[in-house]
């Protein structure tokens, strides 16, 4: 779901004149997810617990690095929501790129590729 919301954001920003109501809703959704994410991978819920997951074991074995990635996403989600609130298209694009980079970095380090 979160990936689809971010795709909507990037598609809207590419159009040059984004629908600001949609942008505000999507920015809120992303920021809210950045708050909720801290509950998504509790201790003891990792792979091997009968749950089909693309999450790598490093989420649980390297909690400090994973928490840093979560914090980066949360910070960039807030910055993106603030950029949307400003209405400045250049700021929104810049904040969106940084937000996307935080998502990619975390996925690269903590998510298995699936076919």
PDB file of N, CA and C in Angstrom:
ATOM      1  N   UNK A   1       0.823  -1.197   0.000  1.00  0.00           N
ATOM      2  CA  UNK A   1       0.000   0.000   0.000  1.00  0.00           C
ATOM      3  C   UNK A   1       0.866   1.261   0.000  1.00  0.00           C
ATOM      4  N   UNK A   2       1.865   1.274   0.864  1.00  0.00           N
ATOM      5  CA  UNK A   2       2.717   2.456   0.970  1.00  0.00           C
ATOM      6  C   UNK A   2       3.451   2.732  -0.345  1.00  0.00           C
ATOM      7  N   UNK A   3       3.907   1.675  -0.999  1.00  0.00           N
ATOM      8  CA  UNK A   3       4.566   1.841  -2.291  1.00  0.00           C
ATOM      9  C   UNK A   3       3.639   2.440  -3.333  1.00  0.00           C
ATOM     10  N   UNK A   4       2.372   2.050  -3.309  1.00  0.00           N
ATOM     11  CA  UNK A   4       1.394   2.607  -4.247  1.00  0.00           C
ATOM     12  C   UNK A   4       1.149   4.088  -3.972  1.00  0.00           C
ATOM     13  N   UNK A   5       1.112   4.459  -2.715  1.00  0.00           N
ATOM     14  CA  UNK A   5       0.918   5.866  -2.355  1.00  0.00           C
ATOM     15  C   UNK A   5       2.103   6.684  -2.853  1.00  0.00           C
ATOM     16  N   UNK A   6       3.316   6.178  -2.626  1.00  0.00           N
ATOM     17  CA  UNK A   6       4.495   6.900  -3.088  1.00  0.00           C
ATOM     18  C   UNK A   6       4.519   6.989  -4.615  1.00  0.00           C
ATOM     19  N   UNK A   7       4.110   5.942  -5.303  1.00  0.00           N
ATOM     20  CA  UNK A   7       4.033   5.984  -6.769  1.00  0.00           C
ATOM     21  C   UNK A   7       3.057   7.065  -7.217  1.00  0.00           C
ATOM     22  N   UNK A   8       1.913   7.171  -6.538  1.00  0.00           N
ATOM     23  CA  UNK A   8       0.946   8.231  -6.859  1.00  0.00           C
ATOM     24  C   UNK A   8       1.588   9.609  -6.702  1.00  0.00           C
ATOM     25  N   UNK A   9       2.375   9.780  -5.641  1.00  0.00           N
ATOM     26  CA  UNK A   9       3.063  11.047  -5.403  1.00  0.00           C
ATOM     27  C   UNK A   9       4.012  11.357  -6.557  1.00  0.00           C
ATOM     28  N   UNK A  10       4.858  10.406  -6.910  1.00  0.00           N
ATOM     29  CA  UNK A  10       5.844  10.672  -7.961  1.00  0.00           C
ATOM     30  C   UNK A  10       5.167  10.903  -9.310  1.00  0.00           C
ATOM     31  N   UNK A  11       4.114  10.140  -9.587  1.00  0.00           N
ATOM     32  CA  UNK A  11       3.377  10.358 -10.836  1.00  0.00           C
ATOM     33  C   UNK A  11       2.773  11.755 -10.868  1.00  0.00           C
ATOM     34  N   UNK A  12       2.204  12.162  -9.748  1.00  0.00           N
ATOM     35  CA  UNK A  12       1.569  13.486  -9.665  1.00  0.00           C
ATOM     36  C   UNK A  12       2.614  14.598  -9.813  1.00  0.00           C
ATOM     37  N   UNK A  13       3.774  14.420  -9.207  1.00  0.00           N
ATOM     38  CA  UNK A  13       4.820  15.440  -9.315  1.00  0.00           C
ATOM     39  C   UNK A  13       5.366  15.537 -10.739  1.00  0.00           C
ATOM     40  N   UNK A  14       5.380  14.446 -11.459  1.00  0.00           N
ATOM     41  CA  UNK A  14       5.862  14.467 -12.849  1.00  0.00           C
ATOM     42  C   UNK A  14       4.929  15.247 -13.772  1.00  0.00           C
ATOM     43  N   UNK A  15       3.674  15.300 -13.422  1.00  0.00           N
ATOM     44  CA  UNK A  15       2.703  16.022 -14.250  1.00  0.00           C
ATOM     45  C   UNK A  15       2.957  17.527 -14.260  1.00  0.00           C
ATOM     46  N   UNK A  16       3.684  18.031 -13.269  1.00  0.00           N
ATOM     47  CA  UNK A  16       4.015  19.452 -13.259  1.00  0.00           C
ATOM     48  C   UNK A  16       3.045  20.310 -12.492  1.00  0.00           C
ATOM     49  N   UNK A  17       1.819  19.888 -12.389  1.00  0.00           N
ATOM     50  CA  UNK A  17       0.814  20.626 -11.634  1.00  0.00           C
ATOM     51  C   UNK A  17       0.027  19.610 -10.809  1.00  0.00           C
ATOM     52  N   UNK A  18       0.601  19.213  -9.674  1.00  0.00           N
ATOM     53  CA  UNK A  18      -0.026  18.142  -8.899  1.00  0.00           C
ATOM     54  C   UNK A  18      -1.366  18.554  -8.288  1.00  0.00           C
ATOM     55  N   UNK A  19      -2.197  17.568  -8.091  1.00  0.00           N
ATOM     56  CA  UNK A  19      -3.456  17.775  -7.394  1.00  0.00           C
ATOM     57  C   UNK A  19      -3.117  17.913  -5.910  1.00  0.00           C
ATOM     58  N   UNK A  20      -3.222  19.112  -5.384  1.00  0.00           N
ATOM     59  CA  UNK A  20      -2.752  19.378  -4.029  1.00  0.00           C
ATOM     60  C   UNK A  20      -3.574  18.651  -2.966  1.00  0.00           C
ATOM     61  N   UNK A  21      -4.839  18.437  -3.202  1.00  0.00           N
ATOM     62  CA  UNK A  21      -5.639  17.687  -2.225  1.00  0.00           C
ATOM     63  C   UNK A  21      -5.114  16.252  -2.130  1.00  0.00           C
ATOM     64  N   UNK A  22      -4.835  15.648  -3.283  1.00  0.00           N
ATOM     65  CA  UNK A  22      -4.265  14.299  -3.295  1.00  0.00           C
ATOM     66  C   UNK A  22      -2.876  14.285  -2.661  1.00  0.00           C
ATOM     67  N   UNK A  23      -2.071  15.296  -2.959  1.00  0.00           N
ATOM     68  CA  UNK A  23      -0.718  15.356  -2.392  1.00  0.00           C
ATOM     69  C   UNK A  23      -0.772  15.448  -0.863  1.00  0.00           C
ATOM     70  N   UNK A  24      -1.668  16.274  -0.339  1.00  0.00           N
ATOM     71  CA  UNK A  24      -1.781  16.392   1.120  1.00  0.00           C
ATOM     72  C   UNK A  24      -2.222  15.071   1.744  1.00  0.00           C
ATOM     73  N   UNK A  25      -3.197  14.409   1.107  1.00  0.00           N
ATOM     74  CA  UNK A  25      -3.666  13.116   1.617  1.00  0.00           C
ATOM     75  C   UNK A  25      -2.542  12.089   1.582  1.00  0.00           C
ATOM     76  N   UNK A  26      -1.817  12.028   0.481  1.00  0.00           N
ATOM     77  CA  UNK A  26      -0.727  11.062   0.351  1.00  0.00           C
ATOM     78  C   UNK A  26       0.417  11.371   1.317  1.00  0.00           C
ATOM     79  N   UNK A  27       0.734  12.648   1.492  1.00  0.00           N
ATOM     80  CA  UNK A  27       1.794  13.032   2.425  1.00  0.00           C
ATOM     81  C   UNK A  27       1.408  12.643   3.848  1.00  0.00           C
ATOM     82  N   UNK A  28       0.145  12.853   4.198  1.00  0.00           N
ATOM     83  CA  UNK A  28      -0.325  12.453   5.527  1.00  0.00           C
ATOM     84  C   UNK A  28      -0.232  10.932   5.686  1.00  0.00           C
ATOM     85  N   UNK A  29      -0.662  10.194   4.678  1.00  0.00           N
ATOM     86  CA  UNK A  29      -0.626   8.725   4.736  1.00  0.00           C
ATOM     87  C   UNK A  29       0.802   8.228   4.944  1.00  0.00           C
ATOM     88  N   UNK A  30       1.745   8.811   4.224  1.00  0.00           N
ATOM     89  CA  UNK A  30       3.144   8.417   4.348  1.00  0.00           C
ATOM     90  C   UNK A  30       3.678   8.777   5.733  1.00  0.00           C
ATOM     91  N   UNK A  31       3.400   9.991   6.188  1.00  0.00           N
ATOM     92  CA  UNK A  31       3.885  10.398   7.500  1.00  0.00           C
ATOM     93  C   UNK A  31       3.285   9.532   8.595  1.00  0.00           C
ATOM     94  N   UNK A  32       2.008   9.222   8.477  1.00  0.00           N
ATOM     95  CA  UNK A  32       1.356   8.374   9.483  1.00  0.00           C
ATOM     96  C   UNK A  32       1.969   6.973   9.473  1.00  0.00           C
ATOM     97  N   UNK A  33       2.251   6.432   8.301  1.00  0.00           N
ATOM     98  CA  UNK A  33       2.911   5.126   8.215  1.00  0.00           C
ATOM     99  C   UNK A  33       4.285   5.180   8.866  1.00  0.00           C
ATOM    100  N   UNK A  34       4.963   6.315   8.741  1.00  0.00           N
ATOM    101  CA  UNK A  34       6.294   6.437   9.342  1.00  0.00           C
ATOM    102  C   UNK A  34       6.215   6.386  10.865  1.00  0.00           C
ATOM    103  N   UNK A  35       5.093   6.762  11.428  1.00  0.00           N
ATOM    104  CA  UNK A  35       4.889   6.638  12.874  1.00  0.00           C
ATOM    105  C   UNK A  35       4.542   5.197  13.251  1.00  0.00           C
ATOM    106  N   UNK A  36       3.702   4.580  12.444  1.00  0.00           N
ATOM    107  CA  UNK A  36       3.236   3.221  12.737  1.00  0.00           C
ATOM    108  C   UNK A  36       4.300   2.159  12.495  1.00  0.00           C
ATOM    109  N   UNK A  37       5.264   2.447  11.626  1.00  0.00           N
ATOM    110  CA  UNK A  37       6.271   1.456  11.239  1.00  0.00           C
ATOM    111  C   UNK A  37       7.024   0.877  12.426  1.00  0.00           C
ATOM    112  N   UNK A  38       7.126   1.620  13.505  1.00  0.00           N
ATOM    113  CA  UNK A  38       7.888   1.134  14.651  1.00  0.00           C
ATOM    114  C   UNK A  38       7.235  -0.081  15.312  1.00  0.00           C
ATOM    115  N   UNK A  39       5.999  -0.366  14.964  1.00  0.00           N
ATOM    116  CA  UNK A  39       5.284  -1.528  15.510  1.00  0.00           C
ATOM    117  C   UNK A  39       5.192  -2.686  14.526  1.00  0.00           C
ATOM    118  N   UNK A  40       5.747  -2.529  13.351  1.00  0.00           N
ATOM    119  CA  UNK A  40       5.573  -3.535  12.301  1.00  0.00           C
ATOM    120  C   UNK A  40       6.453  -4.766  12.456  1.00  0.00           C
ATOM    121  N   UNK A  41       7.567  -4.667  13.139  1.00  0.00           N
ATOM    122  CA  UNK A  41       8.514  -5.776  13.242  1.00  0.00           C
ATOM    123  C   UNK A  41       8.939  -5.994  14.692  1.00  0.00           C
ATOM    124  N   UNK A  42       8.015  -6.378  15.556  1.00  0.00           N
ATOM    125  CA  UNK A  42       8.373  -6.538  16.969  1.00  0.00           C
ATOM    126  C   UNK A  42       9.356  -7.687  17.187  1.00  0.00           C
ATOM    127  N   UNK A  43      10.069  -7.607  18.279  1.00  0.00           N
ATOM    128  CA  UNK A  43      11.018  -8.670  18.637  1.00  0.00           C
ATOM    129  C   UNK A  43      10.297 -10.008  18.637  1.00  0.00           C
ATOM    130  N   UNK A  44      10.955 -11.016  18.075  1.00  0.00           N
ATOM    131  CA  UNK A  44      10.397 -12.358  18.040  1.00  0.00           C
ATOM    132  C   UNK A  44       9.453 -12.629  16.891  1.00  0.00           C
ATOM    133  N   UNK A  45       9.292 -11.669  15.991  1.00  0.00           N
ATOM    134  CA  UNK A  45       8.345 -11.855  14.887  1.00  0.00           C
ATOM    135  C   UNK A  45       9.033 -12.147  13.561  1.00  0.00           C
ATOM    136  N   UNK A  46      10.294 -12.457  13.596  1.00  0.00           N
ATOM    137  CA  UNK A  46      11.073 -12.605  12.376  1.00  0.00           C
ATOM    138  C   UNK A  46      10.793 -13.835  11.558  1.00  0.00           C
ATOM    139  N   UNK A  47      11.579 -13.991  10.494  1.00  0.00           N
ATOM    140  CA  UNK A  47      11.436 -15.153   9.618  1.00  0.00           C
ATOM    141  C   UNK A  47      11.542 -16.453  10.420  1.00  0.00           C
ATOM    142  N   UNK A  48      10.867 -17.463   9.957  1.00  0.00           N
ATOM    143  CA  UNK A  48      10.897 -18.739  10.652  1.00  0.00           C
ATOM    144  C   UNK A  48       9.796 -18.887  11.683  1.00  0.00           C
ATOM    145  N   UNK A  49       8.960 -17.911  11.784  1.00  0.00           N
ATOM    146  CA  UNK A  49       7.852 -17.943  12.736  1.00  0.00           C
ATOM    147  C   UNK A  49       6.532 -18.312  12.050  1.00  0.00           C
ATOM    148  N   UNK A  50       6.635 -18.880  10.855  1.00  0.00           N
ATOM    149  CA  UNK A  50       5.445 -19.283  10.130  1.00  0.00           C
ATOM    150  C   UNK A  50       4.767 -18.161   9.378  1.00  0.00           C
ATOM    151  N   UNK A  51       5.445 -17.028   9.264  1.00  0.00           N
ATOM    152  CA  UNK A  51       4.889 -15.877   8.567  1.00  0.00           C
ATOM    153  C   UNK A  51       5.629 -15.714   7.248  1.00  0.00           C
ATOM    154  N   UNK A  52       4.891 -15.594   6.164  1.00  0.00           N
ATOM    155  CA  UNK A  52       5.500 -15.346   4.861  1.00  0.00           C
ATOM    156  C   UNK A  52       5.931 -13.886   4.828  1.00  0.00           C
ATOM    157  N   UNK A  53       7.229 -13.655   4.751  1.00  0.00           N
ATOM    158  CA  UNK A  53       7.732 -12.291   4.799  1.00  0.00           C
ATOM    159  C   UNK A  53       8.945 -12.135   3.896  1.00  0.00           C
ATOM    160  N   UNK A  54       9.098 -10.943   3.375  1.00  0.00           N
ATOM    161  CA  UNK A  54      10.290 -10.604   2.609  1.00  0.00           C
ATOM    162  C   UNK A  54      11.323  -9.933   3.511  1.00  0.00           C
ATOM    163  N   UNK A  55      11.006  -9.803   4.778  1.00  0.00           N
ATOM    164  CA  UNK A  55      11.915  -9.158   5.724  1.00  0.00           C
ATOM    165  C   UNK A  55      13.141 -10.031   5.964  1.00  0.00           C
ATOM    166  N   UNK A  56      14.296  -9.406   5.936  1.00  0.00           N
ATOM    167  CA  UNK A  56      15.545 -10.110   6.234  1.00  0.00           C
ATOM    168  C   UNK A  56      15.732 -10.234   7.748  1.00  0.00           C
ATOM    169  N   UNK A  57      16.458 -11.236   8.136  1.00  0.00           N
ATOM    170  CA  UNK A  57      16.731 -11.473   9.561  1.00  0.00           C
ATOM    171  C   UNK A  57      17.459 -10.290  10.200  1.00  0.00           C
ATOM    172  N   UNK A  58      18.158  -9.493   9.406  1.00  0.00           N
ATOM    173  CA  UNK A  58      18.909  -8.357   9.943  1.00  0.00           C
ATOM    174  C   UNK A  58      18.017  -7.349  10.665  1.00  0.00           C
ATOM    175  N   UNK A  59      16.736  -7.342  10.345  1.00  0.00           N
ATOM    176  CA  UNK A  59      15.811  -6.466  11.065  1.00  0.00           C
ATOM    177  C   UNK A  59      15.859  -6.776  12.558  1.00  0.00           C
ATOM    178  N   UNK A  60      15.978  -8.047  12.885  1.00  0.00           N
ATOM    179  CA  UNK A  60      15.967  -8.474  14.277  1.00  0.00           C
ATOM    180  C   UNK A  60      17.366  -8.653  14.840  1.00  0.00           C
ATOM    181  N   UNK A  61      18.344  -8.956  13.982  1.00  0.00           N
ATOM    182  CA  UNK A  61      19.693  -9.203  14.485  1.00  0.00           C
ATOM    183  C   UNK A  61      20.543  -7.936  14.521  1.00  0.00           C
ATOM    184  N   UNK A  62      20.126  -6.908  13.800  1.00  0.00           N
ATOM    185  CA  UNK A  62      20.842  -5.635  13.800  1.00  0.00           C
ATOM    186  C   UNK A  62      19.831  -4.515  14.039  1.00  0.00           C
ATOM    187  N   UNK A  63      19.234  -4.554  15.212  1.00  0.00           N
ATOM    188  CA  UNK A  63      18.158  -3.617  15.543  1.00  0.00           C
ATOM    189  C   UNK A  63      18.592  -2.153  15.452  1.00  0.00           C
ATOM    190  N   UNK A  64      19.827  -1.869  15.832  1.00  0.00           N
ATOM    191  CA  UNK A  64      20.282  -0.474  15.808  1.00  0.00           C
ATOM    192  C   UNK A  64      20.288   0.081  14.384  1.00  0.00           C
ATOM    193  N   UNK A  65      20.800  -0.695  13.443  1.00  0.00           N
ATOM    194  CA  UNK A  65      20.837  -0.235  12.051  1.00  0.00           C
ATOM    195  C   UNK A  65      19.424  -0.123  11.489  1.00  0.00           C
ATOM    196  N   UNK A  66      18.571  -1.069  11.838  1.00  0.00           N
ATOM    197  CA  UNK A  66      17.197  -1.011  11.353  1.00  0.00           C
ATOM    198  C   UNK A  66      16.473   0.202  11.938  1.00  0.00           C
ATOM    199  N   UNK A  67      16.681   0.465  13.212  1.00  0.00           N
ATOM    200  CA  UNK A  67      16.051   1.628  13.848  1.00  0.00           C
ATOM    201  C   UNK A  67      16.541   2.919  13.191  1.00  0.00           C
ATOM    202  N   UNK A  68      17.809   2.988  12.856  1.00  0.00           N
ATOM    203  CA  UNK A  68      18.333   4.178  12.180  1.00  0.00           C
ATOM    204  C   UNK A  68      17.651   4.372  10.826  1.00  0.00           C
ATOM    205  N   UNK A  69      17.416   3.288  10.107  1.00  0.00           N
ATOM    206  CA  UNK A  69      16.721   3.377   8.822  1.00  0.00           C
ATOM    207  C   UNK A  69      15.273   3.822   9.027  1.00  0.00           C
ATOM    208  N   UNK A  70      14.630   3.308  10.054  1.00  0.00           N
ATOM    209  CA  UNK A  70      13.261   3.727  10.360  1.00  0.00           C
ATOM    210  C   UNK A  70      13.222   5.218  10.704  1.00  0.00           C
ATOM    211  N   UNK A  71      14.167   5.656  11.509  1.00  0.00           N
ATOM    212  CA  UNK A  71      14.218   7.066  11.901  1.00  0.00           C
ATOM    213  C   UNK A  71      14.450   7.974  10.702  1.00  0.00           C
ATOM    214  N   UNK A  72      15.297   7.528   9.777  1.00  0.00           N
ATOM    215  CA  UNK A  72      15.551   8.302   8.554  1.00  0.00           C
ATOM    216  C   UNK A  72      14.262   8.444   7.748  1.00  0.00           C
ATOM    217  N   UNK A  73      13.545   7.334   7.584  1.00  0.00           N
ATOM    218  CA  UNK A  73      12.270   7.382   6.864  1.00  0.00           C
ATOM    219  C   UNK A  73      11.292   8.320   7.566  1.00  0.00           C
ATOM    220  N   UNK A  74      11.187   8.219   8.877  1.00  0.00           N
ATOM    221  CA  UNK A  74      10.253   9.058   9.626  1.00  0.00           C
ATOM    222  C   UNK A  74      10.587  10.535   9.455  1.00  0.00           C
ATOM    223  N   UNK A  75      11.857  10.854   9.543  1.00  0.00           N
ATOM    224  CA  UNK A  75      12.285  12.241   9.387  1.00  0.00           C
ATOM    225  C   UNK A  75      11.968  12.767   7.986  1.00  0.00           C
ATOM    226  N   UNK A  76      12.223  11.952   7.004  1.00  0.00           N
ATOM    227  CA  UNK A  76      11.974  12.385   5.618  1.00  0.00           C
ATOM    228  C   UNK A  76      10.485  12.420   5.294  1.00  0.00           C
ATOM    229  N   UNK A  77       9.703  11.598   5.951  1.00  0.00           N
ATOM    230  CA  UNK A  77       8.245  11.648   5.767  1.00  0.00           C
ATOM    231  C   UNK A  77       7.688  12.958   6.313  1.00  0.00           C
ATOM    232  N   UNK A  78       8.185  13.384   7.467  1.00  0.00           N
ATOM    233  CA  UNK A  78       7.767  14.672   8.041  1.00  0.00           C
ATOM    234  C   UNK A  78       8.190  15.806   7.114  1.00  0.00           C
ATOM    235  N   UNK A  79       9.422  15.757   6.641  1.00  0.00           N
ATOM    236  CA  UNK A  79       9.911  16.806   5.741  1.00  0.00           C
ATOM    237  C   UNK A  79       9.095  16.862   4.451  1.00  0.00           C
ATOM    238  N   UNK A  80       8.696  15.691   3.941  1.00  0.00           N
ATOM    239  CA  UNK A  80       7.876  15.675   2.729  1.00  0.00           C
ATOM    240  C   UNK A  80       6.513  16.301   3.006  1.00  0.00           C
ATOM    241  N   UNK A  81       5.906  15.946   4.116  1.00  0.00           N
ATOM    242  CA  UNK A  81       4.599  16.530   4.436  1.00  0.00           C
ATOM    243  C   UNK A  81       4.711  18.051   4.581  1.00  0.00           C
ATOM    244  N   UNK A  82       5.784  18.515   5.180  1.00  0.00           N
ATOM    245  CA  UNK A  82       6.001  19.961   5.302  1.00  0.00           C
ATOM    246  C   UNK A  82       6.200  20.611   3.934  1.00  0.00           C
ATOM    247  N   UNK A  83       6.918  19.941   3.051  1.00  0.00           N
ATOM    248  CA  UNK A  83       7.132  20.477   1.703  1.00  0.00           C
ATOM    249  C   UNK A  83       5.804  20.580   0.956  1.00  0.00           C
ATOM    250  N   UNK A  84       4.960  19.570   1.107  1.00  0.00           N
ATOM    251  CA  UNK A  84       3.641  19.616   0.465  1.00  0.00           C
ATOM    252  C   UNK A  84       2.834  20.774   1.033  1.00  0.00           C
ATOM    253  N   UNK A  85       2.875  20.949   2.332  1.00  0.00           N
ATOM    254  CA  UNK A  85       2.133  22.045   2.960  1.00  0.00           C
ATOM    255  C   UNK A  85       2.608  23.407   2.462  1.00  0.00           C
ATOM    256  N   UNK A  86       3.890  23.505   2.094  1.00  0.00           N
ATOM    257  CA  UNK A  86       4.424  24.773   1.595  1.00  0.00           C
ATOM    258  C   UNK A  86       3.862  25.123   0.224  1.00  0.00           C
ATOM    259  N   UNK A  87       3.462  24.090  -0.534  1.00  0.00           N
ATOM    260  CA  UNK A  87       2.947  24.318  -1.879  1.00  0.00           C
ATOM    261  C   UNK A  87       4.026  24.571  -2.915  1.00  0.00           C
ATOM    262  N   UNK A  88       5.288  24.569  -2.509  1.00  0.00           N
ATOM    263  CA  UNK A  88       6.393  24.831  -3.419  1.00  0.00           C
ATOM    264  C   UNK A  88       6.761  23.540  -4.147  1.00  0.00           C
ATOM    265  N   UNK A  89       6.560  23.523  -5.448  1.00  0.00           N
ATOM    266  CA  UNK A  89       6.771  22.323  -6.252  1.00  0.00           C
ATOM    267  C   UNK A  89       8.220  21.829  -6.189  1.00  0.00           C
ATOM    268  N   UNK A  90       9.183  22.741  -6.250  1.00  0.00           N
ATOM    269  CA  UNK A  90      10.588  22.328  -6.165  1.00  0.00           C
ATOM    270  C   UNK A  90      10.890  21.667  -4.824  1.00  0.00           C
ATOM    271  N   UNK A  91      10.359  22.231  -3.745  1.00  0.00           N
ATOM    272  CA  UNK A  91      10.556  21.634  -2.416  1.00  0.00           C
ATOM    273  C   UNK A  91       9.903  20.260  -2.326  1.00  0.00           C
ATOM    274  N   UNK A  92       8.726  20.126  -2.916  1.00  0.00           N
ATOM    275  CA  UNK A  92       8.037  18.835  -2.893  1.00  0.00           C
ATOM    276  C   UNK A  92       8.852  17.786  -3.649  1.00  0.00           C
ATOM    277  N   UNK A  93       9.368  18.157  -4.806  1.00  0.00           N
ATOM    278  CA  UNK A  93      10.163  17.209  -5.598  1.00  0.00           C
ATOM    279  C   UNK A  93      11.429  16.792  -4.851  1.00  0.00           C
ATOM    280  N   UNK A  94      12.113  17.756  -4.282  1.00  0.00           N
ATOM    281  CA  UNK A  94      13.333  17.465  -3.540  1.00  0.00           C
ATOM    282  C   UNK A  94      13.048  16.559  -2.338  1.00  0.00           C
ATOM    283  N   UNK A  95      12.026  16.893  -1.579  1.00  0.00           N
ATOM    284  CA  UNK A  95      11.667  16.092  -0.399  1.00  0.00           C
ATOM    285  C   UNK A  95      11.200  14.702  -0.813  1.00  0.00           C
ATOM    286  N   UNK A  96      10.522  14.609  -1.945  1.00  0.00           N
ATOM    287  CA  UNK A  96      10.068  13.311  -2.440  1.00  0.00           C
ATOM    288  C   UNK A  96      11.253  12.422  -2.810  1.00  0.00           C
ATOM    289  N   UNK A  97      12.254  13.010  -3.456  1.00  0.00           N
ATOM    290  CA  UNK A  97      13.452  12.230  -3.822  1.00  0.00           C
ATOM    291  C   UNK A  97      14.166  11.704  -2.572  1.00  0.00           C
ATOM    292  N   UNK A  98      14.304  12.544  -1.559  1.00  0.00           N
ATOM    293  CA  UNK A  98      14.956  12.115  -0.318  1.00  0.00           C
ATOM    294  C   UNK A  98      14.137  11.036   0.390  1.00  0.00           C
ATOM    295  N   UNK A  99      12.832  11.193   0.361  1.00  0.00           N
ATOM    296  CA  UNK A  99      11.948  10.192   0.945  1.00  0.00           C
ATOM    297  C   UNK A  99      12.112   8.859   0.218  1.00  0.00           C
ATOM    298  N   UNK A 100      12.084   8.895  -1.094  1.00  0.00           N
ATOM    299  CA  UNK A 100      12.248   7.680  -1.886  1.00  0.00           C
ATOM    300  C   UNK A 100      13.596   7.021  -1.651  1.00  0.00           C
ATOM    301  N   UNK A 101      14.637   7.830  -1.480  1.00  0.00           N
ATOM    302  CA  UNK A 101      15.964   7.283  -1.204  1.00  0.00           C
ATOM    303  C   UNK A 101      15.987   6.562   0.141  1.00  0.00           C
ATOM    304  N   UNK A 102      15.262   7.084   1.121  1.00  0.00           N
ATOM    305  CA  UNK A 102      15.227   6.410   2.427  1.00  0.00           C
ATOM    306  C   UNK A 102      14.489   5.082   2.318  1.00  0.00           C
ATOM    307  N   UNK A 103      13.438   5.037   1.521  1.00  0.00           N
ATOM    308  CA  UNK A 103      12.715   3.778   1.303  1.00  0.00           C
ATOM    309  C   UNK A 103      13.626   2.762   0.619  1.00  0.00           C
ATOM    310  N   UNK A 104      14.287   3.193  -0.448  1.00  0.00           N
ATOM    311  CA  UNK A 104      15.162   2.290  -1.205  1.00  0.00           C
ATOM    312  C   UNK A 104      16.291   1.756  -0.340  1.00  0.00           C
ATOM    313  N   UNK A 105      16.909   2.617   0.437  1.00  0.00           N
ATOM    314  CA  UNK A 105      18.012   2.208   1.293  1.00  0.00           C
ATOM    315  C   UNK A 105      17.574   1.129   2.284  1.00  0.00           C
ATOM    316  N   UNK A 106      16.446   1.328   2.902  1.00  0.00           N
ATOM    317  CA  UNK A 106      15.948   0.349   3.868  1.00  0.00           C
ATOM    318  C   UNK A 106      15.594  -0.964   3.164  1.00  0.00           C
ATOM    319  N   UNK A 107      14.935  -0.877   2.033  1.00  0.00           N
ATOM    320  CA  UNK A 107      14.589  -2.089   1.287  1.00  0.00           C
ATOM    321  C   UNK A 107      15.844  -2.822   0.826  1.00  0.00           C
ATOM    322  N   UNK A 108      16.850  -2.079   0.377  1.00  0.00           N
ATOM    323  CA  UNK A 108      18.102  -2.706  -0.051  1.00  0.00           C
ATOM    324  C   UNK A 108      18.753  -3.484   1.087  1.00  0.00           C
ATOM    325  N   UNK A 109      18.696  -2.936   2.278  1.00  0.00           N
ATOM    326  CA  UNK A 109      19.389  -3.540   3.417  1.00  0.00           C
ATOM    327  C   UNK A 109      18.558  -4.558   4.198  1.00  0.00           C
ATOM    328  N   UNK A 110      17.243  -4.409   4.167  1.00  0.00           N
ATOM    329  CA  UNK A 110      16.412  -5.193   5.081  1.00  0.00           C
ATOM    330  C   UNK A 110      15.271  -5.953   4.428  1.00  0.00           C
ATOM    331  N   UNK A 111      15.258  -6.026   3.116  1.00  0.00           N
ATOM    332  CA  UNK A 111      14.168  -6.727   2.430  1.00  0.00           C
ATOM    333  C   UNK A 111      14.724  -7.640   1.359  1.00  0.00           C
ATOM    334  N   UNK A 112      14.227  -8.865   1.334  1.00  0.00           N
ATOM    335  CA  UNK A 112      14.617  -9.847   0.318  1.00  0.00           C
ATOM    336  C   UNK A 112      13.943  -9.507  -1.002  1.00  0.00           C
ATOM    337  N   UNK A 113      14.645  -9.737  -2.079  1.00  0.00           N
ATOM    338  CA  UNK A 113      14.038  -9.615  -3.404  1.00  0.00           C
ATOM    339  C   UNK A 113      13.129 -10.807  -3.624  1.00  0.00           C
ATOM    340  N   UNK A 114      11.996 -10.556  -4.208  1.00  0.00           N
ATOM    341  CA  UNK A 114      11.077 -11.626  -4.544  1.00  0.00           C
ATOM    342  C   UNK A 114      10.787 -11.607  -6.028  1.00  0.00           C
ATOM    343  N   UNK A 115      10.563 -12.775  -6.582  1.00  0.00           N
ATOM    344  CA  UNK A 115      10.243 -12.868  -8.014  1.00  0.00           C
ATOM    345  C   UNK A 115       8.818 -12.459  -8.275  1.00  0.00           C
TER     346      UNK A 115
END
